[in-house]
Amino acid sequence: MSDYPGIISAMERTDRWRLLGAFLRAHRERMSPPAGAATRRRTPGMRREELAEAAGISVTWVTWLEQGREVNASVAALSRIAKALSLTPAERASLFDLAGKRDPSAPAAALPDLPAELLELPAQFAGPAYLLDAVWTARAWNGAAADLFTGWLDEASSERNLLAFVFLSPLAPRLIGDWAERARRLAAEFRADFNRRPNDPAMGALVDRLSDQSALFASLWRDQDVLGREGGERCFTHPLRGKLHFRQTTLLIASRPEVKLVCLTGV
């Protein structure tokens, strides 16, 4: 089934799978045979067996895809096929479009504007405070938050998404106390937000990216756990300041309920 919003008719699905099959077959046949492959061939280009081996998938699966069958191609498998076929960025985008998937390597969409009065909120707090948008990317934070969240909100970091930091950064387990449990809760809390807007492209792209790059997130996401966001005590092991304890409170913005202001006070 497509990851894109809206309802796709049976005819549209069939056409899309046929187009995907024709696309794969054409690009396979225009590929040069692998080095050391037999030179006598009845058909041009790369064989299905060679594509299957290069992409780490079965020959049957390649055959079904090229025949236009409705095969549920994973993001990881599509990425390996794109690499095996040496697709250009535009060709790779078409592959994912035809398969009804979001490419985790595609450029991120521009972040929606937030009014200045919201972006200025974290600066009003003495303790660490930060503002998360709908996909849990930090859009504003104060100096105390930048000092606490090394690897996420400090100047040396370029990754501002909270979930990406927690699940992909090697610094997160060192900084966040009881990291495994916190990661489990964050995935379940994000699931609650995701279920309110299941067709949101930015949310879907983030889920695809995390599922592709983090086995833990992929496993937690399959569990379908849902939790409401809650406050409580948070423990950190700062690289310079050692053990730190805070109480976290999350405030929702009435005018923009998808935006969260997270505040930490010392305990």
C-alpha atoms as a PDB file:
ATOM      1  CA  MET A   1       0.000   0.000   0.000  1.00  0.00           C
ATOM      2  CA  SER A   2       1.279   3.490  -0.759  1.00  0.00           C
ATOM      3  CA  ASP A   3       2.792   5.654   1.951  1.00  0.00           C
ATOM      4  CA  TYR A   4       1.346   8.725   0.261  1.00  0.00           C
ATOM      5  CA  PRO A   5      -1.895  10.344   1.404  1.00  0.00           C
ATOM      6  CA  GLY A   6      -5.159   9.847  -0.387  1.00  0.00           C
ATOM      7  CA  ILE A   7      -6.950   6.874  -1.865  1.00  0.00           C
ATOM      8  CA  ILE A   8      -5.417   5.117  -4.869  1.00  0.00           C
ATOM      9  CA  SER A   9      -7.765   3.087  -7.073  1.00  0.00           C
ATOM     10  CA  ALA A  10      -7.003  -0.511  -8.037  1.00  0.00           C
ATOM     11  CA  MET A  11      -6.324   0.593 -11.622  1.00  0.00           C
ATOM     12  CA  GLU A  12      -3.924   3.317 -10.478  1.00  0.00           C
ATOM     13  CA  ARG A  13      -2.089   0.805  -8.268  1.00  0.00           C
ATOM     14  CA  THR A  14      -1.786  -1.639 -11.166  1.00  0.00           C
ATOM     15  CA  ASP A  15      -0.492   1.069 -13.498  1.00  0.00           C
ATOM     16  CA  ARG A  16       2.028   2.212 -10.901  1.00  0.00           C
ATOM     17  CA  TRP A  17       3.382  -1.304 -10.392  1.00  0.00           C
ATOM     18  CA  ARG A  18       3.611  -1.822 -14.153  1.00  0.00           C
ATOM     19  CA  LEU A  19       5.481   1.459 -14.493  1.00  0.00           C
ATOM     20  CA  LEU A  20       7.840   0.431 -11.703  1.00  0.00           C
ATOM     21  CA  GLY A  21       8.494  -2.907 -13.419  1.00  0.00           C
ATOM     22  CA  ALA A  22       9.210  -1.241 -16.762  1.00  0.00           C
ATOM     23  CA  PHE A  23      11.486   1.301 -15.052  1.00  0.00           C
ATOM     24  CA  LEU A  24      13.534  -1.382 -13.295  1.00  0.00           C
ATOM     25  CA  ARG A  25      13.814  -3.567 -16.384  1.00  0.00           C
ATOM     26  CA  ALA A  26      14.940  -0.673 -18.605  1.00  0.00           C
ATOM     27  CA  HIS A  27      17.598   0.481 -16.146  1.00  0.00           C
ATOM     28  CA  ARG A  28      18.823  -3.064 -15.531  1.00  0.00           C
ATOM     29  CA  GLU A  29      19.205  -3.735 -19.230  1.00  0.00           C
ATOM     30  CA  ARG A  30      21.204  -0.572 -19.814  1.00  0.00           C
ATOM     31  CA  MET A  31      23.706  -1.494 -17.067  1.00  0.00           C
ATOM     32  CA  SER A  32      27.047  -3.011 -18.100  1.00  0.00           C
ATOM     33  CA  PRO A  33      27.533  -6.632 -16.967  1.00  0.00           C
ATOM     34  CA  PRO A  34      29.570  -6.988 -13.752  1.00  0.00           C
ATOM     35  CA  ALA A  35      33.309  -7.493 -14.110  1.00  0.00           C
ATOM     36  CA  GLY A  36      34.114 -11.143 -14.772  1.00  0.00           C
ATOM     37  CA  ALA A  37      30.582 -11.986 -15.940  1.00  0.00           C
ATOM     38  CA  ALA A  38      30.056 -14.266 -18.947  1.00  0.00           C
ATOM     39  CA  THR A  39      30.257 -12.313 -22.203  1.00  0.00           C
ATOM     40  CA  ARG A  40      27.787 -14.412 -24.227  1.00  0.00           C
ATOM     41  CA  ARG A  41      24.269 -13.192 -23.412  1.00  0.00           C
ATOM     42  CA  ARG A  42      20.867 -13.507 -24.984  1.00  0.00           C
ATOM     43  CA  THR A  43      19.756 -10.193 -23.490  1.00  0.00           C
ATOM     44  CA  PRO A  44      21.637  -6.910 -23.043  1.00  0.00           C
ATOM     45  CA  GLY A  45      22.929  -5.436 -19.834  1.00  0.00           C
ATOM     46  CA  MET A  46      22.773  -6.852 -16.332  1.00  0.00           C
ATOM     47  CA  ARG A  47      20.893 -10.086 -15.680  1.00  0.00           C
ATOM     48  CA  ARG A  48      18.207 -10.357 -13.036  1.00  0.00           C
ATOM     49  CA  GLU A  49      20.445 -12.733 -11.072  1.00  0.00           C
ATOM     50  CA  GLU A  50      23.232 -10.163 -11.104  1.00  0.00           C
ATOM     51  CA  LEU A  51      20.945  -7.367  -9.936  1.00  0.00           C
ATOM     52  CA  ALA A  52      19.573  -9.593  -7.194  1.00  0.00           C
ATOM     53  CA  GLU A  53      23.071 -10.429  -5.970  1.00  0.00           C
ATOM     54  CA  ALA A  54      24.246  -6.811  -6.120  1.00  0.00           C
ATOM     55  CA  ALA A  55      21.166  -5.567  -4.227  1.00  0.00           C
ATOM     56  CA  GLY A  56      21.029  -8.426  -1.709  1.00  0.00           C
ATOM     57  CA  ILE A  57      17.529  -9.559  -2.699  1.00  0.00           C
ATOM     58  CA  SER A  58      16.113 -12.714  -4.272  1.00  0.00           C
ATOM     59  CA  VAL A  59      15.871 -13.317  -8.020  1.00  0.00           C
ATOM     60  CA  THR A  60      12.182 -14.154  -7.559  1.00  0.00           C
ATOM     61  CA  TRP A  61      11.616 -10.790  -5.919  1.00  0.00           C
ATOM     62  CA  VAL A  62      13.341  -8.967  -8.818  1.00  0.00           C
ATOM     63  CA  THR A  63      11.270 -10.965 -11.302  1.00  0.00           C
ATOM     64  CA  TRP A  64       8.009 -10.130  -9.570  1.00  0.00           C
ATOM     65  CA  LEU A  65       8.883  -6.447  -9.417  1.00  0.00           C
ATOM     66  CA  GLU A  66       9.694  -6.359 -13.129  1.00  0.00           C
ATOM     67  CA  GLN A  67       6.455  -8.214 -13.897  1.00  0.00           C
ATOM     68  CA  GLY A  68       4.486  -5.445 -12.196  1.00  0.00           C
ATOM     69  CA  ARG A  69       3.306  -7.485  -9.235  1.00  0.00           C
ATOM     70  CA  GLU A  70       2.367  -5.687  -6.025  1.00  0.00           C
ATOM     71  CA  VAL A  71       5.506  -6.439  -4.044  1.00  0.00           C
ATOM     72  CA  ASN A  72       5.968  -4.440  -0.832  1.00  0.00           C
ATOM     73  CA  ALA A  73       9.468  -3.092  -1.407  1.00  0.00           C
ATOM     74  CA  SER A  74      11.131  -1.810   1.753  1.00  0.00           C
ATOM     75  CA  VAL A  75      13.013   1.477   1.855  1.00  0.00           C
ATOM     76  CA  ALA A  76      16.273  -0.380   2.531  1.00  0.00           C
ATOM     77  CA  ALA A  77      15.756  -2.722  -0.437  1.00  0.00           C
ATOM     78  CA  LEU A  78      14.922   0.161  -2.768  1.00  0.00           C
ATOM     79  CA  SER A  79      18.068   1.957  -1.631  1.00  0.00           C
ATOM     80  CA  ARG A  80      20.179  -1.099  -2.453  1.00  0.00           C
ATOM     81  CA  ILE A  81      18.512  -1.447  -5.873  1.00  0.00           C
ATOM     82  CA  ALA A  82      19.205   2.223  -6.618  1.00  0.00           C
ATOM     83  CA  LYS A  83      22.852   1.731  -5.712  1.00  0.00           C
ATOM     84  CA  ALA A  84      23.177  -1.492  -7.728  1.00  0.00           C
ATOM     85  CA  LEU A  85      21.698   0.255 -10.794  1.00  0.00           C
ATOM     86  CA  SER A  86      23.875   3.373 -10.301  1.00  0.00           C
ATOM     87  CA  LEU A  87      20.769   5.576 -10.476  1.00  0.00           C
ATOM     88  CA  THR A  88      21.168   9.335 -10.650  1.00  0.00           C
ATOM     89  CA  PRO A  89      19.409  11.405  -7.947  1.00  0.00           C
ATOM     90  CA  ALA A  90      16.490  12.080 -10.323  1.00  0.00           C
ATOM     91  CA  GLU A  91      16.230   8.394 -11.277  1.00  0.00           C
ATOM     92  CA  ARG A  92      16.397   7.350  -7.619  1.00  0.00           C
ATOM     93  CA  ALA A  93      13.570   9.791  -6.826  1.00  0.00           C
ATOM     94  CA  SER A  94      11.454   8.221  -9.590  1.00  0.00           C
ATOM     95  CA  LEU A  95      12.154   4.733  -8.248  1.00  0.00           C
ATOM     96  CA  PHE A  96      10.866   5.695  -4.798  1.00  0.00           C
ATOM     97  CA  ASP A  97       7.906   7.604  -6.265  1.00  0.00           C
ATOM     98  CA  LEU A  98       6.804   4.594  -8.331  1.00  0.00           C
ATOM     99  CA  ALA A  99       7.204   2.283  -5.332  1.00  0.00           C
ATOM    100  CA  GLY A 100       5.065   4.625  -3.203  1.00  0.00           C
ATOM    101  CA  LYS A 101       7.864   5.153  -0.675  1.00  0.00           C
ATOM    102  CA  ARG A 102       9.713   8.146   0.709  1.00  0.00           C
ATOM    103  CA  ASP A 103      13.430   8.272   0.062  1.00  0.00           C
ATOM    104  CA  PRO A 104      15.268   8.819   3.371  1.00  0.00           C
ATOM    105  CA  SER A 105      18.164  10.445   1.521  1.00  0.00           C
ATOM    106  CA  ALA A 106      15.952  13.015  -0.213  1.00  0.00           C
ATOM    107  CA  PRO A 107      16.556  16.655   0.778  1.00  0.00           C
ATOM    108  CA  ALA A 108      14.480  17.689   3.753  1.00  0.00           C
ATOM    109  CA  ALA A 109      11.514  19.904   3.063  1.00  0.00           C
ATOM    110  CA  ALA A 110      11.786  23.502   4.158  1.00  0.00           C
ATOM    111  CA  LEU A 111      10.703  23.974   7.745  1.00  0.00           C
ATOM    112  CA  PRO A 112       7.462  25.915   8.172  1.00  0.00           C
ATOM    113  CA  ASP A 113       7.778  29.363   9.630  1.00  0.00           C
ATOM    114  CA  LEU A 114       7.004  29.871  13.305  1.00  0.00           C
ATOM    115  CA  PRO A 115       6.061  33.318  14.625  1.00  0.00           C
ATOM    116  CA  ALA A 116       8.762  35.265  16.443  1.00  0.00           C
ATOM    117  CA  GLU A 117       6.799  35.288  19.698  1.00  0.00           C
ATOM    118  CA  LEU A 118       7.035  31.488  19.825  1.00  0.00           C
ATOM    119  CA  LEU A 119      10.711  31.363  18.899  1.00  0.00           C
ATOM    120  CA  GLU A 120      11.464  33.823  21.712  1.00  0.00           C
ATOM    121  CA  LEU A 121       9.820  31.706  24.435  1.00  0.00           C
ATOM    122  CA  PRO A 122      12.823  29.545  25.486  1.00  0.00           C
ATOM    123  CA  ALA A 123      14.877  32.659  26.219  1.00  0.00           C
ATOM    124  CA  GLN A 124      12.365  33.604  28.934  1.00  0.00           C
ATOM    125  CA  PHE A 125      13.441  30.661  31.125  1.00  0.00           C
ATOM    126  CA  ALA A 126      16.535  30.415  33.302  1.00  0.00           C
ATOM    127  CA  GLY A 127      16.735  26.620  33.110  1.00  0.00           C
ATOM    128  CA  PRO A 128      17.153  24.588  29.911  1.00  0.00           C
ATOM    129  CA  ALA A 129      14.216  25.180  27.560  1.00  0.00           C
ATOM    130  CA  TYR A 130      13.603  24.356  23.913  1.00  0.00           C
ATOM    131  CA  LEU A 131      10.807  24.554  21.356  1.00  0.00           C
ATOM    132  CA  LEU A 132       9.890  21.506  19.236  1.00  0.00           C
ATOM    133  CA  ASP A 133       7.923  21.708  15.997  1.00  0.00           C
ATOM    134  CA  ALA A 134       5.481  19.108  14.650  1.00  0.00           C
ATOM    135  CA  VAL A 135       8.220  16.636  13.671  1.00  0.00           C
ATOM    136  CA  TRP A 136      10.130  17.191  16.919  1.00  0.00           C
ATOM    137  CA  THR A 137      12.871  19.318  15.436  1.00  0.00           C
ATOM    138  CA  ALA A 138      14.198  21.964  17.837  1.00  0.00           C
ATOM    139  CA  ARG A 139      13.415  25.397  16.414  1.00  0.00           C
ATOM    140  CA  ALA A 140      14.580  27.536  19.313  1.00  0.00           C
ATOM    141  CA  TRP A 141      16.434  26.979  22.605  1.00  0.00           C
ATOM    142  CA  ASN A 142      18.236  28.954  25.257  1.00  0.00           C
ATOM    143  CA  GLY A 143      21.870  28.904  26.337  1.00  0.00           C
ATOM    144  CA  ALA A 144      21.195  26.534  29.225  1.00  0.00           C
ATOM    145  CA  ALA A 145      19.710  23.969  26.829  1.00  0.00           C
ATOM    146  CA  ALA A 146      22.667  24.299  24.446  1.00  0.00           C
ATOM    147  CA  ASP A 147      25.027  23.707  27.387  1.00  0.00           C
ATOM    148  CA  LEU A 148      23.099  20.642  28.594  1.00  0.00           C
ATOM    149  CA  PHE A 149      22.314  18.891  25.316  1.00  0.00           C
ATOM    150  CA  THR A 150      25.777  18.333  23.901  1.00  0.00           C
ATOM    151  CA  GLY A 151      25.559  16.659  20.519  1.00  0.00           C
ATOM    152  CA  TRP A 152      22.105  18.075  19.846  1.00  0.00           C
ATOM    153  CA  LEU A 153      21.677  21.764  20.695  1.00  0.00           C
ATOM    154  CA  ASP A 154      25.312  22.845  21.059  1.00  0.00           C
ATOM    155  CA  GLU A 155      27.056  24.791  18.307  1.00  0.00           C
ATOM    156  CA  ALA A 156      29.076  21.759  17.159  1.00  0.00           C
ATOM    157  CA  SER A 157      25.948  19.797  16.196  1.00  0.00           C
ATOM    158  CA  SER A 158      24.020  20.080  12.939  1.00  0.00           C
ATOM    159  CA  GLU A 159      21.301  17.512  13.841  1.00  0.00           C
ATOM    160  CA  ARG A 160      18.414  19.312  15.547  1.00  0.00           C
ATOM    161  CA  ASN A 161      15.738  16.641  15.421  1.00  0.00           C
ATOM    162  CA  LEU A 162      15.228  15.153  18.880  1.00  0.00           C
ATOM    163  CA  LEU A 163      14.384  11.634  17.680  1.00  0.00           C
ATOM    164  CA  ALA A 164      17.327  11.539  15.278  1.00  0.00           C
ATOM    165  CA  PHE A 165      19.643  12.603  18.100  1.00  0.00           C
ATOM    166  CA  VAL A 166      18.289  10.025  20.538  1.00  0.00           C
ATOM    167  CA  PHE A 167      18.295   7.083  18.115  1.00  0.00           C
ATOM    168  CA  LEU A 168      21.219   7.878  15.804  1.00  0.00           C
ATOM    169  CA  SER A 169      23.816   9.826  17.765  1.00  0.00           C
ATOM    170  CA  PRO A 170      26.411   7.831  19.760  1.00  0.00           C
ATOM    171  CA  LEU A 171      26.436  10.714  22.253  1.00  0.00           C
ATOM    172  CA  ALA A 172      22.797  10.239  23.287  1.00  0.00           C
ATOM    173  CA  PRO A 173      23.220   7.039  25.377  1.00  0.00           C
ATOM    174  CA  ARG A 174      26.102   8.671  27.246  1.00  0.00           C
ATOM    175  CA  LEU A 175      24.180  11.860  27.996  1.00  0.00           C
ATOM    176  CA  ILE A 176      20.649  10.619  28.720  1.00  0.00           C
ATOM    177  CA  GLY A 177      20.096   8.664  31.904  1.00  0.00           C
ATOM    178  CA  ASP A 178      18.219   5.372  31.384  1.00  0.00           C
ATOM    179  CA  TRP A 179      18.581   5.968  27.645  1.00  0.00           C
ATOM    180  CA  ALA A 180      16.891   2.741  26.483  1.00  0.00           C
ATOM    181  CA  GLU A 181      13.726   3.461  28.455  1.00  0.00           C
ATOM    182  CA  ARG A 182      13.694   7.102  27.384  1.00  0.00           C
ATOM    183  CA  ALA A 183      14.092   6.035  23.748  1.00  0.00           C
ATOM    184  CA  ARG A 184      11.181   3.608  24.092  1.00  0.00           C
ATOM    185  CA  ARG A 185       8.965   6.299  25.585  1.00  0.00           C
ATOM    186  CA  LEU A 186       9.908   8.883  22.966  1.00  0.00           C
ATOM    187  CA  ALA A 187       9.032   6.500  20.131  1.00  0.00           C
ATOM    188  CA  ALA A 188       5.646   5.794  21.731  1.00  0.00           C
ATOM    189  CA  GLU A 189       5.005   9.502  22.354  1.00  0.00           C
ATOM    190  CA  PHE A 190       5.879  10.355  18.765  1.00  0.00           C
ATOM    191  CA  ARG A 191       3.539   7.556  17.619  1.00  0.00           C
ATOM    192  CA  ALA A 192       0.690   9.417  19.328  1.00  0.00           C
ATOM    193  CA  ASP A 193       1.503  12.566  17.338  1.00  0.00           C
ATOM    194  CA  PHE A 194       1.983  10.540  14.134  1.00  0.00           C
ATOM    195  CA  ASN A 195      -1.400   8.835  14.503  1.00  0.00           C
ATOM    196  CA  ARG A 196      -3.093  12.250  14.582  1.00  0.00           C
ATOM    197  CA  ARG A 197      -1.519  13.108  11.206  1.00  0.00           C
ATOM    198  CA  PRO A 198      -0.650   9.786   9.519  1.00  0.00           C
ATOM    199  CA  ASN A 199      -0.502  11.339   6.045  1.00  0.00           C
ATOM    200  CA  ASP A 200       1.934  14.111   6.968  1.00  0.00           C
ATOM    201  CA  PRO A 201       4.858  13.791   4.490  1.00  0.00           C
ATOM    202  CA  ALA A 202       7.459  15.212   6.887  1.00  0.00           C
ATOM    203  CA  MET A 203       6.481  12.798   9.640  1.00  0.00           C
ATOM    204  CA  GLY A 204       6.494   9.881   7.214  1.00  0.00           C
ATOM    205  CA  ALA A 205       9.929  10.844   5.907  1.00  0.00           C
ATOM    206  CA  LEU A 206      11.303  10.987   9.457  1.00  0.00           C
ATOM    207  CA  VAL A 207       9.865   7.553  10.300  1.00  0.00           C
ATOM    208  CA  ASP A 208      11.374   6.106   7.112  1.00  0.00           C
ATOM    209  CA  ARG A 209      14.757   7.637   7.884  1.00  0.00           C
ATOM    210  CA  LEU A 210      14.855   6.399  11.470  1.00  0.00           C
ATOM    211  CA  SER A 211      13.548   2.939  10.545  1.00  0.00           C
ATOM    212  CA  ASP A 212      16.235   2.630   7.889  1.00  0.00           C
ATOM    213  CA  GLN A 213      19.105   3.775  10.123  1.00  0.00           C
ATOM    214  CA  SER A 214      18.131   2.490  13.580  1.00  0.00           C
ATOM    215  CA  ALA A 215      17.189  -1.141  14.213  1.00  0.00           C
ATOM    216  CA  LEU A 216      15.950  -0.145  17.674  1.00  0.00           C
ATOM    217  CA  PHE A 217      13.587   2.496  16.326  1.00  0.00           C
ATOM    218  CA  ALA A 218      12.325   0.119  13.623  1.00  0.00           C
ATOM    219  CA  SER A 219      11.557  -2.500  16.272  1.00  0.00           C
ATOM    220  CA  LEU A 220       9.849  -0.025  18.594  1.00  0.00           C
ATOM    221  CA  TRP A 221       7.827   1.432  15.714  1.00  0.00           C
ATOM    222  CA  ARG A 222       6.543  -2.012  14.761  1.00  0.00           C
ATOM    223  CA  ASP A 223       5.329  -2.504  18.354  1.00  0.00           C
ATOM    224  CA  GLN A 224       2.729   0.254  17.812  1.00  0.00           C
ATOM    225  CA  ASP A 225       3.019   1.468  21.432  1.00  0.00           C
ATOM    226  CA  VAL A 226       1.335   4.826  22.104  1.00  0.00           C
ATOM    227  CA  LEU A 227       1.954   7.078  25.115  1.00  0.00           C
ATOM    228  CA  GLY A 228       1.002  10.624  26.011  1.00  0.00           C
ATOM    229  CA  ARG A 229       3.888  12.996  26.568  1.00  0.00           C
ATOM    230  CA  GLU A 230       4.573  13.370  30.275  1.00  0.00           C
ATOM    231  CA  GLY A 231       6.931  15.246  32.547  1.00  0.00           C
ATOM    232  CA  GLY A 232       8.922  13.999  35.478  1.00  0.00           C
ATOM    233  CA  GLU A 233      12.503  13.662  36.616  1.00  0.00           C
ATOM    234  CA  ARG A 234      15.221  13.526  33.971  1.00  0.00           C
ATOM    235  CA  CYS A 235      18.817  12.485  34.640  1.00  0.00           C
ATOM    236  CA  PHE A 236      21.842  13.331  32.522  1.00  0.00           C
ATOM    237  CA  THR A 237      25.560  12.596  32.607  1.00  0.00           C
ATOM    238  CA  HIS A 238      27.153  15.741  31.247  1.00  0.00           C
ATOM    239  CA  PRO A 239      30.695  15.343  29.827  1.00  0.00           C
ATOM    240  CA  LEU A 240      31.953  18.280  31.919  1.00  0.00           C
ATOM    241  CA  ARG A 241      29.483  18.694  34.781  1.00  0.00           C
ATOM    242  CA  GLY A 242      28.804  15.056  35.618  1.00  0.00           C
ATOM    243  CA  LYS A 243      25.451  13.868  36.955  1.00  0.00           C
ATOM    244  CA  LEU A 244      22.601  16.360  36.593  1.00  0.00           C
ATOM    245  CA  HIS A 245      18.963  16.051  37.650  1.00  0.00           C
ATOM    246  CA  PHE A 246      16.018  18.071  36.367  1.00  0.00           C
ATOM    247  CA  ARG A 247      12.242  18.017  36.401  1.00  0.00           C
ATOM    248  CA  GLN A 248      10.745  18.284  32.926  1.00  0.00           C
ATOM    249  CA  THR A 249       7.507  20.035  32.022  1.00  0.00           C
ATOM    250  CA  THR A 250       6.072  20.111  28.490  1.00  0.00           C
ATOM    251  CA  LEU A 251       3.745  22.961  27.552  1.00  0.00           C
ATOM    252  CA  LEU A 252       1.525  22.922  24.459  1.00  0.00           C
ATOM    253  CA  ILE A 253       0.966  26.162  22.539  1.00  0.00           C
ATOM    254  CA  ALA A 254      -2.748  26.924  22.274  1.00  0.00           C
ATOM    255  CA  SER A 255      -2.432  28.667  18.900  1.00  0.00           C
ATOM    256  CA  ARG A 256      -0.135  25.942  17.511  1.00  0.00           C
ATOM    257  CA  PRO A 257      -0.990  22.695  19.366  1.00  0.00           C
ATOM    258  CA  GLU A 258       1.597  20.728  17.349  1.00  0.00           C
ATOM    259  CA  VAL A 259       4.372  22.879  18.888  1.00  0.00           C
ATOM    260  CA  LYS A 260       5.825  21.952  22.293  1.00  0.00           C
ATOM    261  CA  LEU A 261       7.794  24.055  24.749  1.00  0.00           C
ATOM    262  CA  VAL A 262       9.913  21.809  26.952  1.00  0.00           C
ATOM    263  CA  CYS A 263      11.293  23.270  30.185  1.00  0.00           C
ATOM    264  CA  LEU A 264      13.701  21.744  32.704  1.00  0.00           C
ATOM    265  CA  THR A 265      14.075  22.941  36.280  1.00  0.00           C
ATOM    266  CA  GLY A 266      16.733  21.837  38.741  1.00  0.00           C
ATOM    267  CA  VAL A 267      15.802  19.401  41.554  1.00  0.00           C
END
